[in-house]
Amino acid sequence: MSAHSDLTRNQSLVLDRLEKADAPMSAYAILDQLRDDGLRAPLQVYRALEKLLDMGLAHRLESMNAFVACAHPHCHDSGLIAFAICEKCGQVSEFSDDVVRERLTGWADREGFVVKRTTMEIRGECRVCAAA
């Protein structure tokens, strides 16, 4: 049984749209593409996105105010999700790094800081754009 079977209709529609997207999408772009499927109000999209975020099936890119489907749902136990965002073509690559996670965890432990979520965004140029 897949995790998708536990989703509501709206959550499934939103996740499917994110999974098929070539780039991060704003909530309003998602809404525009799902109007024919019966979604009419921004709140419907935001509620679905909130649940998908809580379930680790989607991520919010804070700097872009946009959303992406999770590329590695099994990696969320690491506590660190990182994104490399190409400023030229818009490609977003999701990754997790144990060394960075360990350093951030060490800092948090030393400072007594209780981490709820860690999301890093690295902006620059992807390999293809940097070589062009």
C-alpha atoms as a PDB file:
ATOM      1  CA  MET A   1       0.000   0.000   0.000  1.00  0.00           C
ATOM      2  CA  SER A   2       1.566   3.308  -1.060  1.00  0.00           C
ATOM      3  CA  ALA A   3       1.600   6.488   0.960  1.00  0.00           C
ATOM      4  CA  HIS A   4      -0.494   8.063  -1.793  1.00  0.00           C
ATOM      5  CA  SER A   5      -3.474   5.888  -0.856  1.00  0.00           C
ATOM      6  CA  ASP A   6      -3.679   7.691   2.507  1.00  0.00           C
ATOM      7  CA  LEU A   7      -4.130  11.089   0.862  1.00  0.00           C
ATOM      8  CA  THR A   8      -7.357  12.979   0.304  1.00  0.00           C
ATOM      9  CA  ARG A   9      -8.416  13.725  -3.261  1.00  0.00           C
ATOM     10  CA  ASN A  10      -7.097  17.301  -3.077  1.00  0.00           C
ATOM     11  CA  GLN A  11      -3.807  16.187  -1.544  1.00  0.00           C
ATOM     12  CA  SER A  12      -3.374  13.592  -4.294  1.00  0.00           C
ATOM     13  CA  LEU A  13      -4.125  16.153  -6.997  1.00  0.00           C
ATOM     14  CA  VAL A  14      -1.641  18.656  -5.570  1.00  0.00           C
ATOM     15  CA  LEU A  15       1.085  16.044  -5.061  1.00  0.00           C
ATOM     16  CA  ASP A  16       0.588  14.681  -8.564  1.00  0.00           C
ATOM     17  CA  ARG A  17       0.912  18.192 -10.004  1.00  0.00           C
ATOM     18  CA  LEU A  18       4.122  18.799  -8.023  1.00  0.00           C
ATOM     19  CA  GLU A  19       5.585  15.450  -9.082  1.00  0.00           C
ATOM     20  CA  LYS A  20       4.955  16.268 -12.763  1.00  0.00           C
ATOM     21  CA  ALA A  21       6.258  19.839 -12.547  1.00  0.00           C
ATOM     22  CA  ASP A  22       9.563  20.768 -14.169  1.00  0.00           C
ATOM     23  CA  ALA A  23      10.217  23.479 -11.596  1.00  0.00           C
ATOM     24  CA  PRO A  24       8.999  24.601  -8.162  1.00  0.00           C
ATOM     25  CA  MET A  25       5.401  25.824  -8.184  1.00  0.00           C
ATOM     26  CA  SER A  26       3.621  28.523  -6.225  1.00  0.00           C
ATOM     27  CA  ALA A  27       0.307  27.680  -4.612  1.00  0.00           C
ATOM     28  CA  TYR A  28      -1.462  29.895  -7.133  1.00  0.00           C
ATOM     29  CA  ALA A  29       0.218  28.144 -10.081  1.00  0.00           C
ATOM     30  CA  ILE A  30      -0.953  24.827  -8.636  1.00  0.00           C
ATOM     31  CA  LEU A  31      -4.464  26.220  -8.248  1.00  0.00           C
ATOM     32  CA  ASP A  32      -4.483  27.480 -11.847  1.00  0.00           C
ATOM     33  CA  GLN A  33      -3.533  24.039 -13.134  1.00  0.00           C
ATOM     34  CA  LEU A  34      -6.099  22.236 -10.980  1.00  0.00           C
ATOM     35  CA  ARG A  35      -9.170  24.387 -11.634  1.00  0.00           C
ATOM     36  CA  ASP A  36     -10.493  21.843 -14.137  1.00  0.00           C
ATOM     37  CA  ASP A  37     -10.208  19.202 -11.392  1.00  0.00           C
ATOM     38  CA  GLY A  38     -12.560  21.146  -9.138  1.00  0.00           C
ATOM     39  CA  LEU A  39     -10.152  23.150  -6.996  1.00  0.00           C
ATOM     40  CA  ARG A  40     -11.422  26.697  -6.870  1.00  0.00           C
ATOM     41  CA  ALA A  41     -10.071  28.353  -3.726  1.00  0.00           C
ATOM     42  CA  PRO A  42      -6.478  29.031  -2.655  1.00  0.00           C
ATOM     43  CA  LEU A  43      -7.336  27.641   0.785  1.00  0.00           C
ATOM     44  CA  GLN A  44      -7.966  24.198  -0.763  1.00  0.00           C
ATOM     45  CA  VAL A  45      -4.436  24.179  -2.178  1.00  0.00           C
ATOM     46  CA  TYR A  46      -2.844  25.577   0.985  1.00  0.00           C
ATOM     47  CA  ARG A  47      -4.556  22.958   3.172  1.00  0.00           C
ATOM     48  CA  ALA A  48      -3.393  20.157   0.871  1.00  0.00           C
ATOM     49  CA  LEU A  49       0.141  21.570   0.790  1.00  0.00           C
ATOM     50  CA  GLU A  50       0.232  21.876   4.580  1.00  0.00           C
ATOM     51  CA  LYS A  51      -0.617  18.188   4.973  1.00  0.00           C
ATOM     52  CA  LEU A  52       1.886  17.160   2.271  1.00  0.00           C
ATOM     53  CA  LEU A  53       4.575  19.190   4.056  1.00  0.00           C
ATOM     54  CA  ASP A  54       3.681  17.568   7.388  1.00  0.00           C
ATOM     55  CA  MET A  55       3.892  14.121   5.781  1.00  0.00           C
ATOM     56  CA  GLY A  56       7.272  14.882   4.190  1.00  0.00           C
ATOM     57  CA  LEU A  57       5.901  14.392   0.677  1.00  0.00           C
ATOM     58  CA  ALA A  58       6.532  17.999  -0.367  1.00  0.00           C
ATOM     59  CA  HIS A  59       8.857  20.841   0.604  1.00  0.00           C
ATOM     60  CA  ARG A  60       8.522  24.607   0.649  1.00  0.00           C
ATOM     61  CA  LEU A  61      11.393  26.568  -0.841  1.00  0.00           C
ATOM     62  CA  GLU A  62      11.313  29.599   1.426  1.00  0.00           C
ATOM     63  CA  SER A  63      13.354  31.889  -0.817  1.00  0.00           C
ATOM     64  CA  MET A  64      11.053  31.254  -3.774  1.00  0.00           C
ATOM     65  CA  ASN A  65       7.749  30.912  -1.898  1.00  0.00           C
ATOM     66  CA  ALA A  66       7.221  27.777  -3.972  1.00  0.00           C
ATOM     67  CA  PHE A  67       6.778  24.060  -3.451  1.00  0.00           C
ATOM     68  CA  VAL A  68       8.373  20.866  -4.792  1.00  0.00           C
ATOM     69  CA  ALA A  69       7.550  17.199  -4.401  1.00  0.00           C
ATOM     70  CA  CYS A  70       9.991  15.367  -2.170  1.00  0.00           C
ATOM     71  CA  ALA A  71      12.618  13.597  -4.249  1.00  0.00           C
ATOM     72  CA  HIS A  72      13.769  11.310  -1.417  1.00  0.00           C
ATOM     73  CA  PRO A  73      10.942  10.555   1.055  1.00  0.00           C
ATOM     74  CA  HIS A  74      13.114   7.994   2.861  1.00  0.00           C
ATOM     75  CA  CYS A  75      15.752  10.623   3.753  1.00  0.00           C
ATOM     76  CA  HIS A  76      13.677  12.598   6.225  1.00  0.00           C
ATOM     77  CA  ASP A  77      15.003  10.709   9.194  1.00  0.00           C
ATOM     78  CA  SER A  78      18.262  12.622   8.695  1.00  0.00           C
ATOM     79  CA  GLY A  79      16.618  15.844   9.876  1.00  0.00           C
ATOM     80  CA  LEU A  80      18.318  17.904   7.173  1.00  0.00           C
ATOM     81  CA  ILE A  81      16.922  18.664   3.768  1.00  0.00           C
ATOM     82  CA  ALA A  82      18.976  20.767   1.380  1.00  0.00           C
ATOM     83  CA  PHE A  83      18.248  22.194  -2.046  1.00  0.00           C
ATOM     84  CA  ALA A  84      20.586  23.453  -4.753  1.00  0.00           C
ATOM     85  CA  ILE A  85      18.670  26.010  -6.824  1.00  0.00           C
ATOM     86  CA  CYS A  86      19.975  27.088 -10.225  1.00  0.00           C
ATOM     87  CA  GLU A  87      19.342  30.792 -10.691  1.00  0.00           C
ATOM     88  CA  LYS A  88      19.568  30.493 -14.488  1.00  0.00           C
ATOM     89  CA  CYS A  89      17.381  27.517 -15.439  1.00  0.00           C
ATOM     90  CA  GLY A  90      15.432  27.054 -12.210  1.00  0.00           C
ATOM     91  CA  GLN A  91      16.471  23.426 -11.686  1.00  0.00           C
ATOM     92  CA  VAL A  92      16.157  22.313  -8.067  1.00  0.00           C
ATOM     93  CA  SER A  93      18.131  19.354  -6.721  1.00  0.00           C
ATOM     94  CA  GLU A  94      17.288  17.909  -3.316  1.00  0.00           C
ATOM     95  CA  PHE A  95      20.001  16.299  -1.232  1.00  0.00           C
ATOM     96  CA  SER A  96      21.028  15.447   2.299  1.00  0.00           C
ATOM     97  CA  ASP A  97      24.552  15.577   3.688  1.00  0.00           C
ATOM     98  CA  ASP A  98      25.620  13.725   6.839  1.00  0.00           C
ATOM     99  CA  VAL A  99      28.612  15.991   7.568  1.00  0.00           C
ATOM    100  CA  VAL A 100      26.478  19.144   7.430  1.00  0.00           C
ATOM    101  CA  ARG A 101      23.758  17.462   9.492  1.00  0.00           C
ATOM    102  CA  GLU A 102      26.294  16.395  12.140  1.00  0.00           C
ATOM    103  CA  ARG A 103      27.776  19.887  12.396  1.00  0.00           C
ATOM    104  CA  LEU A 104      24.374  21.537  12.720  1.00  0.00           C
ATOM    105  CA  THR A 105      23.270  18.951  15.280  1.00  0.00           C
ATOM    106  CA  GLY A 106      26.491  19.524  17.241  1.00  0.00           C
ATOM    107  CA  TRP A 107      25.910  23.270  17.285  1.00  0.00           C
ATOM    108  CA  ALA A 108      22.283  22.828  18.360  1.00  0.00           C
ATOM    109  CA  ASP A 109      23.302  20.428  21.144  1.00  0.00           C
ATOM    110  CA  ARG A 110      25.982  22.829  22.439  1.00  0.00           C
ATOM    111  CA  GLU A 111      23.547  25.756  22.370  1.00  0.00           C
ATOM    112  CA  GLY A 112      20.613  23.799  23.833  1.00  0.00           C
ATOM    113  CA  PHE A 113      18.646  24.633  20.697  1.00  0.00           C
ATOM    114  CA  VAL A 114      15.788  22.227  19.921  1.00  0.00           C
ATOM    115  CA  VAL A 115      15.632  21.791  16.144  1.00  0.00           C
ATOM    116  CA  LYS A 116      12.221  21.150  14.619  1.00  0.00           C
ATOM    117  CA  ARG A 117      13.254  21.221  10.970  1.00  0.00           C
ATOM    118  CA  THR A 118      16.326  22.175   8.977  1.00  0.00           C
ATOM    119  CA  THR A 119      16.011  23.254   5.371  1.00  0.00           C
ATOM    120  CA  MET A 120      18.974  24.697   3.497  1.00  0.00           C
ATOM    121  CA  GLU A 121      18.868  26.436   0.149  1.00  0.00           C
ATOM    122  CA  ILE A 122      22.009  26.885  -1.909  1.00  0.00           C
ATOM    123  CA  ARG A 123      21.668  29.260  -4.864  1.00  0.00           C
ATOM    124  CA  GLY A 124      23.953  29.381  -7.860  1.00  0.00           C
ATOM    125  CA  GLU A 125      24.300  27.698 -11.241  1.00  0.00           C
ATOM    126  CA  CYS A 126      23.845  24.027 -12.062  1.00  0.00           C
ATOM    127  CA  ARG A 127      26.572  22.158 -13.935  1.00  0.00           C
ATOM    128  CA  VAL A 128      24.930  22.710 -17.331  1.00  0.00           C
ATOM    129  CA  CYS A 129      24.406  26.446 -16.864  1.00  0.00           C
ATOM    130  CA  ALA A 130      27.853  26.976 -15.326  1.00  0.00           C
ATOM    131  CA  ALA A 131      29.466  25.283 -18.336  1.00  0.00           C
ATOM    132  CA  ALA A 132      27.485  27.339 -20.886  1.00  0.00           C
END
